[in-house]
Amino acid sequence: IYVIPYVTGCFTNFKLSLINYINIKLVWS
């Protein structure tokens, strides 16, 4: 019950971080 939202939250945060990282690389390239 508590594990699934935690994993989903971590995956969402990872995805957002990855998108931000890609955007920063595109801006500074």
PDB file of N, CA and C in Angstrom:
ATOM      1  N   ILE A   1       0.842  -1.208   0.000  1.00  0.00           N
ATOM      2  CA  ILE A   1       0.000   0.000   0.000  1.00  0.00           C
ATOM      3  C   ILE A   1       0.873   1.253   0.000  1.00  0.00           C
ATOM      4  N   TYR A   2       1.945   1.242   0.805  1.00  0.00           N
ATOM      5  CA  TYR A   2       2.780   2.447   0.910  1.00  0.00           C
ATOM      6  C   TYR A   2       3.939   2.427  -0.081  1.00  0.00           C
ATOM      7  N   VAL A   3       4.263   1.246  -0.592  1.00  0.00           N
ATOM      8  CA  VAL A   3       5.445   1.148  -1.453  1.00  0.00           C
ATOM      9  C   VAL A   3       5.179   1.707  -2.847  1.00  0.00           C
ATOM     10  N   ILE A   4       3.983   1.422  -3.387  1.00  0.00           N
ATOM     11  CA  ILE A   4       3.693   1.825  -4.773  1.00  0.00           C
ATOM     12  C   ILE A   4       3.715   3.354  -4.946  1.00  0.00           C
ATOM     13  N   PRO A   5       3.043   4.137  -4.081  1.00  0.00           N
ATOM     14  CA  PRO A   5       3.113   5.597  -4.252  1.00  0.00           C
ATOM     15  C   PRO A   5       4.536   6.121  -4.084  1.00  0.00           C
ATOM     16  N   TYR A   6       5.318   5.490  -3.209  1.00  0.00           N
ATOM     17  CA  TYR A   6       6.697   5.935  -2.996  1.00  0.00           C
ATOM     18  C   TYR A   6       7.528   5.735  -4.255  1.00  0.00           C
ATOM     19  N   VAL A   7       7.386   4.529  -4.851  1.00  0.00           N
ATOM     20  CA  VAL A   7       8.131   4.246  -6.082  1.00  0.00           C
ATOM     21  C   VAL A   7       7.661   5.152  -7.210  1.00  0.00           C
ATOM     22  N   THR A   8       6.340   5.355  -7.302  1.00  0.00           N
ATOM     23  CA  THR A   8       5.802   6.222  -8.353  1.00  0.00           C
ATOM     24  C   THR A   8       6.309   7.653  -8.177  1.00  0.00           C
ATOM     25  N   GLY A   9       6.346   8.126  -6.930  1.00  0.00           N
ATOM     26  CA  GLY A   9       6.843   9.474  -6.660  1.00  0.00           C
ATOM     27  C   GLY A   9       8.307   9.604  -7.031  1.00  0.00           C
ATOM     28  N   CYS A  10       9.104   8.593  -6.700  1.00  0.00           N
ATOM     29  CA  CYS A  10      10.529   8.637  -7.033  1.00  0.00           C
ATOM     30  C   CYS A  10      10.712   8.645  -8.545  1.00  0.00           C
ATOM     31  N   PHE A  11       9.922   7.824  -9.242  1.00  0.00           N
ATOM     32  CA  PHE A  11      10.032   7.756 -10.703  1.00  0.00           C
ATOM     33  C   PHE A  11       9.633   9.086 -11.315  1.00  0.00           C
ATOM     34  N   THR A  12       8.572   9.712 -10.769  1.00  0.00           N
ATOM     35  CA  THR A  12       8.126  11.004 -11.291  1.00  0.00           C
ATOM     36  C   THR A  12       9.196  12.064 -11.060  1.00  0.00           C
ATOM     37  N   ASN A  13       9.789  12.075  -9.870  1.00  0.00           N
ATOM     38  CA  ASN A  13      10.841  13.045  -9.567  1.00  0.00           C
ATOM     39  C   ASN A  13      12.045  12.819 -10.472  1.00  0.00           C
ATOM     40  N   PHE A  14      12.377  11.545 -10.722  1.00  0.00           N
ATOM     41  CA  PHE A  14      13.500  11.230 -11.594  1.00  0.00           C
ATOM     42  C   PHE A  14      13.224  11.721 -13.008  1.00  0.00           C
ATOM     43  N   LYS A  15      11.979  11.518 -13.465  1.00  0.00           N
ATOM     44  CA  LYS A  15      11.620  11.928 -14.821  1.00  0.00           C
ATOM     45  C   LYS A  15      11.684  13.449 -14.946  1.00  0.00           C
ATOM     46  N   LEU A  16      11.175  14.157 -13.923  1.00  0.00           N
ATOM     47  CA  LEU A  16      11.221  15.619 -13.947  1.00  0.00           C
ATOM     48  C   LEU A  16      12.666  16.101 -13.922  1.00  0.00           C
ATOM     49  N   SER A  17      13.503  15.458 -13.110  1.00  0.00           N
ATOM     50  CA  SER A  17      14.906  15.850 -13.036  1.00  0.00           C
ATOM     51  C   SER A  17      15.583  15.612 -14.375  1.00  0.00           C
ATOM     52  N   LEU A  18      15.239  14.491 -15.025  1.00  0.00           N
ATOM     53  CA  LEU A  18      15.848  14.183 -16.321  1.00  0.00           C
ATOM     54  C   LEU A  18      15.436  15.214 -17.360  1.00  0.00           C
ATOM     55  N   ILE A  19      14.159  15.611 -17.343  1.00  0.00           N
ATOM     56  CA  ILE A  19      13.676  16.621 -18.290  1.00  0.00           C
ATOM     57  C   ILE A  19      14.392  17.950 -18.046  1.00  0.00           C
ATOM     58  N   ASN A  20      14.520  18.337 -16.768  1.00  0.00           N
ATOM     59  CA  ASN A  20      15.220  19.581 -16.455  1.00  0.00           C
ATOM     60  C   ASN A  20      16.669  19.510 -16.898  1.00  0.00           C
ATOM     61  N   TYR A  21      17.320  18.351 -16.697  1.00  0.00           N
ATOM     62  CA  TYR A  21      18.718  18.177 -17.095  1.00  0.00           C
ATOM     63  C   TYR A  21      18.867  18.327 -18.607  1.00  0.00           C
ATOM     64  N   ILE A  22      17.945  17.707 -19.358  1.00  0.00           N
ATOM     65  CA  ILE A  22      18.008  17.789 -20.822  1.00  0.00           C
ATOM     66  C   ILE A  22      17.776  19.234 -21.275  1.00  0.00           C
ATOM     67  N   ASN A  23      16.805  19.910 -20.654  1.00  0.00           N
ATOM     68  CA  ASN A  23      16.532  21.297 -21.028  1.00  0.00           C
ATOM     69  C   ASN A  23      17.753  22.167 -20.774  1.00  0.00           C
ATOM     70  N   ILE A  24      18.424  21.966 -19.634  1.00  0.00           N
ATOM     71  CA  ILE A  24      19.619  22.757 -19.321  1.00  0.00           C
ATOM     72  C   ILE A  24      20.714  22.480 -20.350  1.00  0.00           C
ATOM     73  N   LYS A  25      20.899  21.206 -20.721  1.00  0.00           N
ATOM     74  CA  LYS A  25      21.930  20.884 -21.710  1.00  0.00           C
ATOM     75  C   LYS A  25      21.606  21.518 -23.053  1.00  0.00           C
ATOM     76  N   LEU A  26      20.313  21.519 -23.431  1.00  0.00           N
ATOM     77  CA  LEU A  26      19.937  22.120 -24.710  1.00  0.00           C
ATOM     78  C   LEU A  26      20.186  23.629 -24.685  1.00  0.00           C
ATOM     79  N   VAL A  27      19.892  24.257 -23.522  1.00  0.00           N
ATOM     80  CA  VAL A  27      20.063  25.707 -23.426  1.00  0.00           C
ATOM     81  C   VAL A  27      21.535  26.076 -23.482  1.00  0.00           C
ATOM     82  N   TRP A  28      22.395  25.311 -22.815  1.00  0.00           N
ATOM     83  CA  TRP A  28      23.804  25.683 -22.699  1.00  0.00           C
ATOM     84  C   TRP A  28      24.672  25.077 -23.791  1.00  0.00           C
ATOM     85  N   SER A  29      24.099  24.271 -24.686  1.00  0.00           N
ATOM     86  CA  SER A  29      24.925  23.639 -25.710  1.00  0.00           C
ATOM     87  C   SER A  29      25.325  24.651 -26.781  1.00  0.00           C
TER      88      SER A  29
END
